[in-house]
Structure formats: C-alpha cells, structure tokens
Amino acid sequence: MVKKSIIPYGHQWVDDKDIKEVVKVLKSDWLTQGPKIEEFEKAMAKYCGAKYGVAFSSGTSALHSAYSVAGIKAGDEVITTPLTFAATGNMFVVLGAKPVFVDIQEDTLNIDPEKIKEK
C-alpha cells in the first residue's frame, strides 16, 4: 500500500562541480544555446545509447515535440492519467488531439489498465 501523502515534485542534487560549471557558462558569451548544449546533447545520447540527443527549454516543449514525432494529430484521442503535470494533456490539445483521462489505481497511483479498456 502506497503511503497517502503529497507526491514530491522533484528532488535535485547539486554539488560544487555543478555550481562551478554553471558559473563558467554565466561568465561565458553563451548563456543560452552555445557549445555546452551540444556537449550535453551528445553526453545524454551516449548515456541513453541513442544516436542523437536533443535538449529542450522545458518539459512542455519536449512533450510537444515527442507527441508530434509520435504522429499525434488533430482529431486523435489519447489516453493519459489525470495525475500528471498540466502540460501532459495541454500539448495534446495544442496539436488538436483530445486527451482522455483515465483514473489511477489507489494502491499504485499509476493509471488503471482496467479503466483504460473501458475507454
């Protein structure tokens, strides 16, 4: 049974090396874009075992791109959970698709597969 409490949005771990790297970028000519983005994309692709990696300015823009690449288009209906950030459903709407929300299982807090079948 999952403990009923507020789900944390995120936890971060920032060490001195991270801070030094951010300061280097802040002092450089490239606050956005620039060589550090390409370095990050290549490192992320390597870590994931992918040929390419693409950095986005936000999770919302990443979702928009992922949905587009997946072929989601106007008139589609897409099943998702309501227990998510607003951008999950909003980016379907931006593409003209309709989010169909399916409730979660109380014990896992994951989308309920049986309720998916109903939709």
PDB file of N, CA and C in Angstrom:
ATOM      1  N   MET A   1       0.844  -1.181   0.000  1.00  0.00           N
ATOM      2  CA  MET A   1       0.000   0.000   0.000  1.00  0.00           C
ATOM      3  C   MET A   1       0.886   1.239   0.000  1.00  0.00           C
ATOM      4  N   VAL A   2       0.615   2.161  -0.909  1.00  0.00           N
ATOM      5  CA  VAL A   2       1.364   3.403  -1.007  1.00  0.00           C
ATOM      6  C   VAL A   2       0.918   4.352   0.094  1.00  0.00           C
ATOM      7  N   LYS A   3       1.878   4.962   0.751  1.00  0.00           N
ATOM      8  CA  LYS A   3       1.558   5.927   1.796  1.00  0.00           C
ATOM      9  C   LYS A   3       0.845   7.130   1.175  1.00  0.00           C
ATOM     10  N   LYS A   4      -0.268   7.522   1.757  1.00  0.00           N
ATOM     11  CA  LYS A   4      -1.035   8.666   1.262  1.00  0.00           C
ATOM     12  C   LYS A   4      -0.394   9.958   1.748  1.00  0.00           C
ATOM     13  N   SER A   5       0.257  10.635   0.855  1.00  0.00           N
ATOM     14  CA  SER A   5       0.880  11.911   1.195  1.00  0.00           C
ATOM     15  C   SER A   5       1.077  12.709  -0.083  1.00  0.00           C
ATOM     16  N   ILE A   6       1.585  13.875   0.055  1.00  0.00           N
ATOM     17  CA  ILE A   6       1.851  14.712  -1.108  1.00  0.00           C
ATOM     18  C   ILE A   6       3.010  14.100  -1.887  1.00  0.00           C
ATOM     19  N   ILE A   7       2.827  13.981  -3.190  1.00  0.00           N
ATOM     20  CA  ILE A   7       3.879  13.446  -4.049  1.00  0.00           C
ATOM     21  C   ILE A   7       4.881  14.573  -4.316  1.00  0.00           C
ATOM     22  N   PRO A   8       6.166  14.371  -3.994  1.00  0.00           N
ATOM     23  CA  PRO A   8       7.140  15.438  -4.231  1.00  0.00           C
ATOM     24  C   PRO A   8       7.301  15.693  -5.720  1.00  0.00           C
ATOM     25  N   TYR A   9       7.402  16.949  -6.089  1.00  0.00           N
ATOM     26  CA  TYR A   9       7.553  17.329  -7.496  1.00  0.00           C
ATOM     27  C   TYR A   9       8.899  16.877  -8.027  1.00  0.00           C
ATOM     28  N   GLY A  10       9.926  16.994  -7.223  1.00  0.00           N
ATOM     29  CA  GLY A  10      11.243  16.566  -7.666  1.00  0.00           C
ATOM     30  C   GLY A  10      12.276  16.771  -6.586  1.00  0.00           C
ATOM     31  N   HIS A  11      13.340  16.051  -6.726  1.00  0.00           N
ATOM     32  CA  HIS A  11      14.477  16.205  -5.827  1.00  0.00           C
ATOM     33  C   HIS A  11      15.700  16.450  -6.695  1.00  0.00           C
ATOM     34  N   GLN A  12      16.518  17.347  -6.316  1.00  0.00           N
ATOM     35  CA  GLN A  12      17.717  17.626  -7.080  1.00  0.00           C
ATOM     36  C   GLN A  12      18.945  17.442  -6.211  1.00  0.00           C
ATOM     37  N   TRP A  13      20.037  17.162  -6.867  1.00  0.00           N
ATOM     38  CA  TRP A  13      21.302  17.013  -6.189  1.00  0.00           C
ATOM     39  C   TRP A  13      22.287  17.889  -6.939  1.00  0.00           C
ATOM     40  N   VAL A  14      22.677  18.983  -6.347  1.00  0.00           N
ATOM     41  CA  VAL A  14      23.603  19.936  -6.940  1.00  0.00           C
ATOM     42  C   VAL A  14      24.856  19.952  -6.091  1.00  0.00           C
ATOM     43  N   ASP A  15      25.976  19.590  -6.719  1.00  0.00           N
ATOM     44  CA  ASP A  15      27.237  19.597  -5.970  1.00  0.00           C
ATOM     45  C   ASP A  15      28.115  20.756  -6.430  1.00  0.00           C
ATOM     46  N   ASP A  16      29.285  20.890  -5.833  1.00  0.00           N
ATOM     47  CA  ASP A  16      30.184  22.009  -6.149  1.00  0.00           C
ATOM     48  C   ASP A  16      30.609  22.002  -7.612  1.00  0.00           C
ATOM     49  N   LYS A  17      30.804  20.819  -8.188  1.00  0.00           N
ATOM     50  CA  LYS A  17      31.184  20.732  -9.602  1.00  0.00           C
ATOM     51  C   LYS A  17      30.072  21.324 -10.485  1.00  0.00           C
ATOM     52  N   ASP A  18      28.822  21.008 -10.161  1.00  0.00           N
ATOM     53  CA  ASP A  18      27.684  21.557 -10.913  1.00  0.00           C
ATOM     54  C   ASP A  18      27.683  23.083 -10.836  1.00  0.00           C
ATOM     55  N   ILE A  19      27.881  23.601  -9.657  1.00  0.00           N
ATOM     56  CA  ILE A  19      27.869  25.060  -9.452  1.00  0.00           C
ATOM     57  C   ILE A  19      28.998  25.711 -10.248  1.00  0.00           C
ATOM     58  N   LYS A  20      30.186  25.109 -10.237  1.00  0.00           N
ATOM     59  CA  LYS A  20      31.320  25.660 -10.992  1.00  0.00           C
ATOM     60  C   LYS A  20      31.012  25.687 -12.487  1.00  0.00           C
ATOM     61  N   GLU A  21      30.374  24.631 -12.997  1.00  0.00           N
ATOM     62  CA  GLU A  21      30.035  24.582 -14.425  1.00  0.00           C
ATOM     63  C   GLU A  21      29.016  25.652 -14.790  1.00  0.00           C
ATOM     64  N   VAL A  22      28.035  25.870 -13.930  1.00  0.00           N
ATOM     65  CA  VAL A  22      27.039  26.921 -14.187  1.00  0.00           C
ATOM     66  C   VAL A  22      27.707  28.287 -14.182  1.00  0.00           C
ATOM     67  N   VAL A  23      28.591  28.525 -13.245  1.00  0.00           N
ATOM     68  CA  VAL A  23      29.299  29.803 -13.178  1.00  0.00           C
ATOM     69  C   VAL A  23      30.129  30.015 -14.447  1.00  0.00           C
ATOM     70  N   LYS A  24      30.777  28.957 -14.954  1.00  0.00           N
ATOM     71  CA  LYS A  24      31.549  29.064 -16.209  1.00  0.00           C
ATOM     72  C   LYS A  24      30.655  29.534 -17.353  1.00  0.00           C
ATOM     73  N   VAL A  25      29.472  28.947 -17.450  1.00  0.00           N
ATOM     74  CA  VAL A  25      28.539  29.333 -18.518  1.00  0.00           C
ATOM     75  C   VAL A  25      28.067  30.768 -18.316  1.00  0.00           C
ATOM     76  N   LEU A  26      27.751  31.142 -17.083  1.00  0.00           N
ATOM     77  CA  LEU A  26      27.285  32.506 -16.811  1.00  0.00           C
ATOM     78  C   LEU A  26      28.353  33.551 -17.164  1.00  0.00           C
ATOM     79  N   LYS A  27      29.606  33.186 -17.043  1.00  0.00           N
ATOM     80  CA  LYS A  27      30.701  34.105 -17.350  1.00  0.00           C
ATOM     81  C   LYS A  27      31.125  34.042 -18.818  1.00  0.00           C
ATOM     82  N   SER A  28      30.567  33.121 -19.573  1.00  0.00           N
ATOM     83  CA  SER A  28      30.942  32.967 -20.982  1.00  0.00           C
ATOM     84  C   SER A  28      30.068  33.852 -21.869  1.00  0.00           C
ATOM     85  N   ASP A  29      30.307  33.774 -23.159  1.00  0.00           N
ATOM     86  CA  ASP A  29      29.498  34.512 -24.138  1.00  0.00           C
ATOM     87  C   ASP A  29      28.204  33.796 -24.486  1.00  0.00           C
ATOM     88  N   TRP A  30      28.005  32.595 -23.946  1.00  0.00           N
ATOM     89  CA  TRP A  30      26.873  31.758 -24.317  1.00  0.00           C
ATOM     90  C   TRP A  30      26.003  31.426 -23.114  1.00  0.00           C
ATOM     91  N   LEU A  31      25.056  32.277 -22.810  1.00  0.00           N
ATOM     92  CA  LEU A  31      24.135  31.995 -21.713  1.00  0.00           C
ATOM     93  C   LEU A  31      23.095  30.953 -22.137  1.00  0.00           C
ATOM     94  N   THR A  32      22.675  31.031 -23.387  1.00  0.00           N
ATOM     95  CA  THR A  32      21.766  30.031 -23.957  1.00  0.00           C
ATOM     96  C   THR A  32      22.394  29.521 -25.243  1.00  0.00           C
ATOM     97  N   GLN A  33      21.936  28.393 -25.692  1.00  0.00           N
ATOM     98  CA  GLN A  33      22.483  27.728 -26.874  1.00  0.00           C
ATOM     99  C   GLN A  33      23.975  27.486 -26.656  1.00  0.00           C
ATOM    100  N   GLY A  34      24.785  27.624 -27.651  1.00  0.00           N
ATOM    101  CA  GLY A  34      26.217  27.511 -27.478  1.00  0.00           C
ATOM    102  C   GLY A  34      26.757  26.104 -27.318  1.00  0.00           C
ATOM    103  N   PRO A  35      28.065  26.010 -27.090  1.00  0.00           N
ATOM    104  CA  PRO A  35      28.747  24.710 -27.078  1.00  0.00           C
ATOM    105  C   PRO A  35      28.348  23.789 -25.932  1.00  0.00           C
ATOM    106  N   LYS A  36      27.934  24.309 -24.814  1.00  0.00           N
ATOM    107  CA  LYS A  36      27.545  23.443 -23.696  1.00  0.00           C
ATOM    108  C   LYS A  36      26.279  22.650 -24.014  1.00  0.00           C
ATOM    109  N   ILE A  37      25.394  23.211 -24.823  1.00  0.00           N
ATOM    110  CA  ILE A  37      24.177  22.487 -25.198  1.00  0.00           C
ATOM    111  C   ILE A  37      24.541  21.278 -26.053  1.00  0.00           C
ATOM    112  N   GLU A  38      25.407  21.498 -27.049  1.00  0.00           N
ATOM    113  CA  GLU A  38      25.830  20.378 -27.891  1.00  0.00           C
ATOM    114  C   GLU A  38      26.556  19.315 -27.054  1.00  0.00           C
ATOM    115  N   GLU A  39      27.387  19.746 -26.136  1.00  0.00           N
ATOM    116  CA  GLU A  39      28.096  18.820 -25.239  1.00  0.00           C
ATOM    117  C   GLU A  39      27.092  17.997 -24.410  1.00  0.00           C
ATOM    118  N   PHE A  40      26.084  18.677 -23.891  1.00  0.00           N
ATOM    119  CA  PHE A  40      25.049  17.995 -23.105  1.00  0.00           C
ATOM    120  C   PHE A  40      24.273  16.997 -23.955  1.00  0.00           C
ATOM    121  N   GLU A  41      23.867  17.422 -25.158  1.00  0.00           N
ATOM    122  CA  GLU A  41      23.094  16.538 -26.035  1.00  0.00           C
ATOM    123  C   GLU A  41      23.882  15.270 -26.386  1.00  0.00           C
ATOM    124  N   LYS A  42      25.151  15.437 -26.695  1.00  0.00           N
ATOM    125  CA  LYS A  42      25.989  14.273 -27.026  1.00  0.00           C
ATOM    126  C   LYS A  42      26.164  13.355 -25.823  1.00  0.00           C
ATOM    127  N   ALA A  43      26.376  13.932 -24.648  1.00  0.00           N
ATOM    128  CA  ALA A  43      26.549  13.127 -23.440  1.00  0.00           C
ATOM    129  C   ALA A  43      25.255  12.383 -23.106  1.00  0.00           C
ATOM    130  N   MET A  44      24.120  13.030 -23.265  1.00  0.00           N
ATOM    131  CA  MET A  44      22.841  12.391 -22.975  1.00  0.00           C
ATOM    132  C   MET A  44      22.564  11.266 -23.971  1.00  0.00           C
ATOM    133  N   ALA A  45      22.863  11.506 -25.249  1.00  0.00           N
ATOM    134  CA  ALA A  45      22.671  10.459 -26.254  1.00  0.00           C
ATOM    135  C   ALA A  45      23.548   9.250 -25.939  1.00  0.00           C
ATOM    136  N   LYS A  46      24.783   9.493 -25.585  1.00  0.00           N
ATOM    137  CA  LYS A  46      25.698   8.400 -25.246  1.00  0.00           C
ATOM    138  C   LYS A  46      25.177   7.635 -24.031  1.00  0.00           C
ATOM    139  N   TYR A  47      24.757   8.351 -23.012  1.00  0.00           N
ATOM    140  CA  TYR A  47      24.237   7.732 -21.791  1.00  0.00           C
ATOM    141  C   TYR A  47      23.024   6.844 -22.093  1.00  0.00           C
ATOM    142  N   CYS A  48      22.167   7.308 -23.010  1.00  0.00           N
ATOM    143  CA  CYS A  48      20.942   6.575 -23.347  1.00  0.00           C
ATOM    144  C   CYS A  48      21.159   5.531 -24.439  1.00  0.00           C
ATOM    145  N   GLY A  49      22.341   5.514 -25.030  1.00  0.00           N
ATOM    146  CA  GLY A  49      22.602   4.577 -26.113  1.00  0.00           C
ATOM    147  C   GLY A  49      21.890   4.961 -27.396  1.00  0.00           C
ATOM    148  N   ALA A  50      21.660   6.254 -27.568  1.00  0.00           N
ATOM    149  CA  ALA A  50      20.962   6.759 -28.749  1.00  0.00           C
ATOM    150  C   ALA A  50      21.954   7.416 -29.709  1.00  0.00           C
ATOM    151  N   LYS A  51      21.555   7.515 -30.949  1.00  0.00           N
ATOM    152  CA  LYS A  51      22.406   8.160 -31.950  1.00  0.00           C
ATOM    153  C   LYS A  51      22.455   9.673 -31.731  1.00  0.00           C
ATOM    154  N   TYR A  52      21.319  10.256 -31.332  1.00  0.00           N
ATOM    155  CA  TYR A  52      21.223  11.703 -31.147  1.00  0.00           C
ATOM    156  C   TYR A  52      20.539  12.026 -29.819  1.00  0.00           C
ATOM    157  N   GLY A  53      20.765  13.222 -29.348  1.00  0.00           N
ATOM    158  CA  GLY A  53      20.063  13.760 -28.193  1.00  0.00           C
ATOM    159  C   GLY A  53      19.664  15.190 -28.501  1.00  0.00           C
ATOM    160  N   VAL A  54      18.535  15.601 -28.001  1.00  0.00           N
ATOM    161  CA  VAL A  54      18.052  16.961 -28.247  1.00  0.00           C
ATOM    162  C   VAL A  54      17.636  17.574 -26.917  1.00  0.00           C
ATOM    163  N   ALA A  55      18.195  18.729 -26.604  1.00  0.00           N
ATOM    164  CA  ALA A  55      17.822  19.447 -25.381  1.00  0.00           C
ATOM    165  C   ALA A  55      16.662  20.391 -25.689  1.00  0.00           C
ATOM    166  N   PHE A  56      15.775  20.532 -24.720  1.00  0.00           N
ATOM    167  CA  PHE A  56      14.638  21.435 -24.851  1.00  0.00           C
ATOM    168  C   PHE A  56      14.668  22.452 -23.729  1.00  0.00           C
ATOM    169  N   SER A  57      13.971  23.551 -23.933  1.00  0.00           N
ATOM    170  CA  SER A  57      13.937  24.610 -22.924  1.00  0.00           C
ATOM    171  C   SER A  57      12.999  24.280 -21.772  1.00  0.00           C
ATOM    172  N   SER A  58      12.124  23.289 -21.971  1.00  0.00           N
ATOM    173  CA  SER A  58      11.175  22.927 -20.920  1.00  0.00           C
ATOM    174  C   SER A  58      10.616  21.539 -21.193  1.00  0.00           C
ATOM    175  N   GLY A  59      10.027  20.967 -20.173  1.00  0.00           N
ATOM    176  CA  GLY A  59       9.336  19.697 -20.342  1.00  0.00           C
ATOM    177  C   GLY A  59       8.141  19.834 -21.271  1.00  0.00           C
ATOM    178  N   THR A  60       7.493  20.993 -21.232  1.00  0.00           N
ATOM    179  CA  THR A  60       6.342  21.237 -22.090  1.00  0.00           C
ATOM    180  C   THR A  60       6.748  21.185 -23.560  1.00  0.00           C
ATOM    181  N   SER A  61       7.839  21.859 -23.906  1.00  0.00           N
ATOM    182  CA  SER A  61       8.278  21.841 -25.305  1.00  0.00           C
ATOM    183  C   SER A  61       8.764  20.453 -25.706  1.00  0.00           C
ATOM    184  N   ALA A  62       9.347  19.706 -24.779  1.00  0.00           N
ATOM    185  CA  ALA A  62       9.768  18.339 -25.070  1.00  0.00           C
ATOM    186  C   ALA A  62       8.555  17.446 -25.343  1.00  0.00           C
ATOM    187  N   LEU A  63       7.494  17.600 -24.543  1.00  0.00           N
ATOM    188  CA  LEU A  63       6.272  16.827 -24.779  1.00  0.00           C
ATOM    189  C   LEU A  63       5.669  17.156 -26.141  1.00  0.00           C
ATOM    190  N   HIS A  64       5.616  18.437 -26.478  1.00  0.00           N
ATOM    191  CA  HIS A  64       5.057  18.857 -27.769  1.00  0.00           C
ATOM    192  C   HIS A  64       5.807  18.176 -28.905  1.00  0.00           C
ATOM    193  N   SER A  65       7.117  18.198 -28.829  1.00  0.00           N
ATOM    194  CA  SER A  65       7.930  17.578 -29.871  1.00  0.00           C
ATOM    195  C   SER A  65       7.741  16.064 -29.906  1.00  0.00           C
ATOM    196  N   ALA A  66       7.756  15.431 -28.740  1.00  0.00           N
ATOM    197  CA  ALA A  66       7.590  13.970 -28.681  1.00  0.00           C
ATOM    198  C   ALA A  66       6.241  13.547 -29.251  1.00  0.00           C
ATOM    199  N   TYR A  67       5.193  14.265 -28.902  1.00  0.00           N
ATOM    200  CA  TYR A  67       3.871  13.930 -29.417  1.00  0.00           C
ATOM    201  C   TYR A  67       3.819  14.104 -30.935  1.00  0.00           C
ATOM    202  N   SER A  68       4.446  15.181 -31.429  1.00  0.00           N
ATOM    203  CA  SER A  68       4.471  15.429 -32.875  1.00  0.00           C
ATOM    204  C   SER A  68       5.195  14.304 -33.605  1.00  0.00           C
ATOM    205  N   VAL A  69       6.351  13.928 -33.083  1.00  0.00           N
ATOM    206  CA  VAL A  69       7.143  12.862 -33.697  1.00  0.00           C
ATOM    207  C   VAL A  69       6.389  11.530 -33.639  1.00  0.00           C
ATOM    208  N   ALA A  70       5.606  11.334 -32.587  1.00  0.00           N
ATOM    209  CA  ALA A  70       4.813  10.104 -32.452  1.00  0.00           C
ATOM    210  C   ALA A  70       3.628  10.082 -33.416  1.00  0.00           C
ATOM    211  N   GLY A  71       3.379  11.199 -34.079  1.00  0.00           N
ATOM    212  CA  GLY A  71       2.310  11.253 -35.076  1.00  0.00           C
ATOM    213  C   GLY A  71       0.956  11.651 -34.532  1.00  0.00           C
ATOM    214  N   ILE A  72       0.906  12.162 -33.319  1.00  0.00           N
ATOM    215  CA  ILE A  72      -0.371  12.603 -32.755  1.00  0.00           C
ATOM    216  C   ILE A  72      -0.817  13.849 -33.506  1.00  0.00           C
ATOM    217  N   LYS A  73      -2.092  13.840 -33.935  1.00  0.00           N
ATOM    218  CA  LYS A  73      -2.578  14.936 -34.771  1.00  0.00           C
ATOM    219  C   LYS A  73      -4.026  15.284 -34.423  1.00  0.00           C
ATOM    220  N   ALA A  74      -4.504  16.330 -35.082  1.00  0.00           N
ATOM    221  CA  ALA A  74      -5.874  16.793 -34.861  1.00  0.00           C
ATOM    222  C   ALA A  74      -6.852  15.643 -35.058  1.00  0.00           C
ATOM    223  N   GLY A  75      -7.791  15.541 -34.126  1.00  0.00           N
ATOM    224  CA  GLY A  75      -8.818  14.517 -34.192  1.00  0.00           C
ATOM    225  C   GLY A  75      -8.488  13.242 -33.428  1.00  0.00           C
ATOM    226  N   ASP A  76      -7.219  13.052 -33.080  1.00  0.00           N
ATOM    227  CA  ASP A  76      -6.843  11.864 -32.305  1.00  0.00           C
ATOM    228  C   ASP A  76      -7.360  11.980 -30.880  1.00  0.00           C
ATOM    229  N   GLU A  77      -7.624  10.842 -30.268  1.00  0.00           N
ATOM    230  CA  GLU A  77      -7.907  10.767 -28.841  1.00  0.00           C
ATOM    231  C   GLU A  77      -6.747  10.026 -28.195  1.00  0.00           C
ATOM    232  N   VAL A  78      -6.233  10.561 -27.109  1.00  0.00           N
ATOM    233  CA  VAL A  78      -5.067   9.979 -26.454  1.00  0.00           C
ATOM    234  C   VAL A  78      -5.385   9.756 -24.975  1.00  0.00           C
ATOM    235  N   ILE A  79      -5.214   8.525 -24.533  1.00  0.00           N
ATOM    236  CA  ILE A  79      -5.483   8.188 -23.135  1.00  0.00           C
ATOM    237  C   ILE A  79      -4.273   8.558 -22.290  1.00  0.00           C
ATOM    238  N   THR A  80      -4.539   9.227 -21.172  1.00  0.00           N
ATOM    239  CA  THR A  80      -3.492   9.604 -20.233  1.00  0.00           C
ATOM    240  C   THR A  80      -4.079   9.642 -18.826  1.00  0.00           C
ATOM    241  N   THR A  81      -3.224   9.854 -17.877  1.00  0.00           N
ATOM    242  CA  THR A  81      -3.654   9.937 -16.489  1.00  0.00           C
ATOM    243  C   THR A  81      -3.896  11.394 -16.087  1.00  0.00           C
ATOM    244  N   PRO A  82      -4.854  11.641 -15.214  1.00  0.00           N
ATOM    245  CA  PRO A  82      -5.037  12.992 -14.706  1.00  0.00           C
ATOM    246  C   PRO A  82      -4.009  13.332 -13.617  1.00  0.00           C
ATOM    247  N   LEU A  83      -3.304  12.330 -13.122  1.00  0.00           N
ATOM    248  CA  LEU A  83      -2.313  12.544 -12.065  1.00  0.00           C
ATOM    249  C   LEU A  83      -0.968  12.860 -12.725  1.00  0.00           C
ATOM    250  N   THR A  84      -0.880  14.062 -13.266  1.00  0.00           N
ATOM    251  CA  THR A  84       0.283  14.474 -14.035  1.00  0.00           C
ATOM    252  C   THR A  84       0.330  15.989 -14.086  1.00  0.00           C
ATOM    253  N   PHE A  85       1.389  16.516 -14.644  1.00  0.00           N
ATOM    254  CA  PHE A  85       1.517  17.954 -14.835  1.00  0.00           C
ATOM    255  C   PHE A  85       0.567  18.390 -15.950  1.00  0.00           C
ATOM    256  N   ALA A  86       0.076  19.599 -15.895  1.00  0.00           N
ATOM    257  CA  ALA A  86      -0.911  20.098 -16.863  1.00  0.00           C
ATOM    258  C   ALA A  86      -0.445  19.984 -18.311  1.00  0.00           C
ATOM    259  N   ALA A  87       0.843  20.125 -18.555  1.00  0.00           N
ATOM    260  CA  ALA A  87       1.362  20.086 -19.923  1.00  0.00           C
ATOM    261  C   ALA A  87       1.123  18.741 -20.601  1.00  0.00           C
ATOM    262  N   THR A  88       1.008  17.676 -19.833  1.00  0.00           N
ATOM    263  CA  THR A  88       0.772  16.353 -20.423  1.00  0.00           C
ATOM    264  C   THR A  88      -0.471  16.372 -21.297  1.00  0.00           C
ATOM    265  N   GLY A  89      -1.569  16.884 -20.791  1.00  0.00           N
ATOM    266  CA  GLY A  89      -2.801  16.986 -21.568  1.00  0.00           C
ATOM    267  C   GLY A  89      -2.828  18.192 -22.479  1.00  0.00           C
ATOM    268  N   ASN A  90      -2.262  19.305 -22.016  1.00  0.00           N
ATOM    269  CA  ASN A  90      -2.310  20.539 -22.806  1.00  0.00           C
ATOM    270  C   ASN A  90      -1.631  20.404 -24.161  1.00  0.00           C
ATOM    271  N   MET A  91      -0.533  19.670 -24.228  1.00  0.00           N
ATOM    272  CA  MET A  91       0.168  19.546 -25.501  1.00  0.00           C
ATOM    273  C   MET A  91      -0.603  18.684 -26.488  1.00  0.00           C
ATOM    274  N   PHE A  92      -1.443  17.772 -25.993  1.00  0.00           N
ATOM    275  CA  PHE A  92      -2.345  17.063 -26.900  1.00  0.00           C
ATOM    276  C   PHE A  92      -3.322  18.061 -27.517  1.00  0.00           C
ATOM    277  N   VAL A  93      -3.865  18.937 -26.688  1.00  0.00           N
ATOM    278  CA  VAL A  93      -4.828  19.940 -27.146  1.00  0.00           C
ATOM    279  C   VAL A  93      -4.179  20.885 -28.158  1.00  0.00           C
ATOM    280  N   VAL A  94      -2.954  21.306 -27.909  1.00  0.00           N
ATOM    281  CA  VAL A  94      -2.236  22.187 -28.843  1.00  0.00           C
ATOM    282  C   VAL A  94      -2.147  21.541 -30.226  1.00  0.00           C
ATOM    283  N   LEU A  95      -1.973  20.230 -30.262  1.00  0.00           N
ATOM    284  CA  LEU A  95      -1.884  19.517 -31.544  1.00  0.00           C
ATOM    285  C   LEU A  95      -3.248  19.173 -32.135  1.00  0.00           C
ATOM    286  N   GLY A  96      -4.316  19.561 -31.434  1.00  0.00           N
ATOM    287  CA  GLY A  96      -5.664  19.302 -31.931  1.00  0.00           C
ATOM    288  C   GLY A  96      -6.221  17.957 -31.512  1.00  0.00           C
ATOM    289  N   ALA A  97      -5.484  17.249 -30.673  1.00  0.00           N
ATOM    290  CA  ALA A  97      -5.949  15.949 -30.177  1.00  0.00           C
ATOM    291  C   ALA A  97      -6.752  16.144 -28.896  1.00  0.00           C
ATOM    292  N   LYS A  98      -7.458  15.098 -28.504  1.00  0.00           N
ATOM    293  CA  LYS A  98      -8.289  15.164 -27.302  1.00  0.00           C
ATOM    294  C   LYS A  98      -7.698  14.254 -26.233  1.00  0.00           C
ATOM    295  N   PRO A  99      -7.292  14.813 -25.089  1.00  0.00           N
ATOM    296  CA  PRO A  99      -6.852  13.934 -24.012  1.00  0.00           C
ATOM    297  C   PRO A  99      -8.058  13.245 -23.379  1.00  0.00           C
ATOM    298  N   VAL A 100      -7.935  11.964 -23.154  1.00  0.00           N
ATOM    299  CA  VAL A 100      -8.969  11.173 -22.491  1.00  0.00           C
ATOM    300  C   VAL A 100      -8.347  10.722 -21.176  1.00  0.00           C
ATOM    301  N   PHE A 101      -8.862  11.249 -20.079  1.00  0.00           N
ATOM    302  CA  PHE A 101      -8.278  10.962 -18.779  1.00  0.00           C
ATOM    303  C   PHE A 101      -8.873   9.692 -18.180  1.00  0.00           C
ATOM    304  N   VAL A 102      -7.983   8.827 -17.723  1.00  0.00           N
ATOM    305  CA  VAL A 102      -8.368   7.575 -17.084  1.00  0.00           C
ATOM    306  C   VAL A 102      -7.814   7.604 -15.668  1.00  0.00           C
ATOM    307  N   ASP A 103      -8.660   7.253 -14.715  1.00  0.00           N
ATOM    308  CA  ASP A 103      -8.293   7.333 -13.305  1.00  0.00           C
ATOM    309  C   ASP A 103      -7.157   6.371 -12.959  1.00  0.00           C
ATOM    310  N   ILE A 104      -6.628   6.572 -11.777  1.00  0.00           N
ATOM    311  CA  ILE A 104      -5.489   5.790 -11.304  1.00  0.00           C
ATOM    312  C   ILE A 104      -5.932   4.671 -10.371  1.00  0.00           C
ATOM    313  N   GLN A 105      -5.027   3.740 -10.125  1.00  0.00           N
ATOM    314  CA  GLN A 105      -5.228   2.726  -9.104  1.00  0.00           C
ATOM    315  C   GLN A 105      -4.817   3.345  -7.772  1.00  0.00           C
ATOM    316  N   GLU A 106      -5.622   3.180  -6.758  1.00  0.00           N
ATOM    317  CA  GLU A 106      -5.317   3.797  -5.464  1.00  0.00           C
ATOM    318  C   GLU A 106      -4.070   3.222  -4.814  1.00  0.00           C
ATOM    319  N   ASP A 107      -3.800   1.947  -5.036  1.00  0.00           N
ATOM    320  CA  ASP A 107      -2.657   1.337  -4.354  1.00  0.00           C
ATOM    321  C   ASP A 107      -1.320   1.672  -5.008  1.00  0.00           C
ATOM    322  N   THR A 108      -1.310   1.916  -6.325  1.00  0.00           N
ATOM    323  CA  THR A 108      -0.042   2.204  -7.018  1.00  0.00           C
ATOM    324  C   THR A 108       0.089   3.655  -7.456  1.00  0.00           C
ATOM    325  N   LEU A 109      -1.016   4.346  -7.580  1.00  0.00           N
ATOM    326  CA  LEU A 109      -1.084   5.709  -8.119  1.00  0.00           C
ATOM    327  C   LEU A 109      -0.760   5.763  -9.612  1.00  0.00           C
ATOM    328  N   ASN A 110      -0.679   4.598 -10.269  1.00  0.00           N
ATOM    329  CA  ASN A 110      -0.477   4.520 -11.724  1.00  0.00           C
ATOM    330  C   ASN A 110      -1.831   4.440 -12.410  1.00  0.00           C
ATOM    331  N   ILE A 111      -1.844   4.735 -13.703  1.00  0.00           N
ATOM    332  CA  ILE A 111      -3.080   4.643 -14.473  1.00  0.00           C
ATOM    333  C   ILE A 111      -3.638   3.227 -14.357  1.00  0.00           C
ATOM    334  N   ASP A 112      -4.942   3.110 -14.284  1.00  0.00           N
ATOM    335  CA  ASP A 112      -5.605   1.825 -14.083  1.00  0.00           C
ATOM    336  C   ASP A 112      -5.840   1.139 -15.436  1.00  0.00           C
ATOM    337  N   PRO A 113      -5.126   0.041 -15.722  1.00  0.00           N
ATOM    338  CA  PRO A 113      -5.267  -0.634 -17.018  1.00  0.00           C
ATOM    339  C   PRO A 113      -6.683  -1.116 -17.307  1.00  0.00           C
ATOM    340  N   GLU A 114      -7.408  -1.505 -16.289  1.00  0.00           N
ATOM    341  CA  GLU A 114      -8.791  -1.957 -16.497  1.00  0.00           C
ATOM    342  C   GLU A 114      -9.676  -0.794 -16.951  1.00  0.00           C
ATOM    343  N   LYS A 115      -9.420   0.371 -16.431  1.00  0.00           N
ATOM    344  CA  LYS A 115     -10.213   1.539 -16.818  1.00  0.00           C
ATOM    345  C   LYS A 115      -9.832   2.027 -18.212  1.00  0.00           C
ATOM    346  N   ILE A 116      -8.598   1.751 -18.623  1.00  0.00           N
ATOM    347  CA  ILE A 116      -8.182   2.078 -19.987  1.00  0.00           C
ATOM    348  C   ILE A 116      -9.058   1.282 -20.963  1.00  0.00           C
ATOM    349  N   LYS A 117      -9.265   0.011 -20.669  1.00  0.00           N
ATOM    350  CA  LYS A 117     -10.074  -0.860 -21.518  1.00  0.00           C
ATOM    351  C   LYS A 117     -11.485  -0.298 -21.685  1.00  0.00           C
ATOM    352  N   GLU A 118     -12.015   0.327 -20.630  1.00  0.00           N
ATOM    353  CA  GLU A 118     -13.364   0.909 -20.683  1.00  0.00           C
ATOM    354  C   GLU A 118     -13.436   2.085 -21.646  1.00  0.00           C
ATOM    355  N   LYS A 119     -12.342   2.795 -21.795  1.00  0.00           N
ATOM    356  CA  LYS A 119     -12.323   3.977 -22.650  1.00  0.00           C
ATOM    357  C   LYS A 119     -12.068   3.613 -24.099  1.00  0.00           C
TER     358      LYS A 119
END
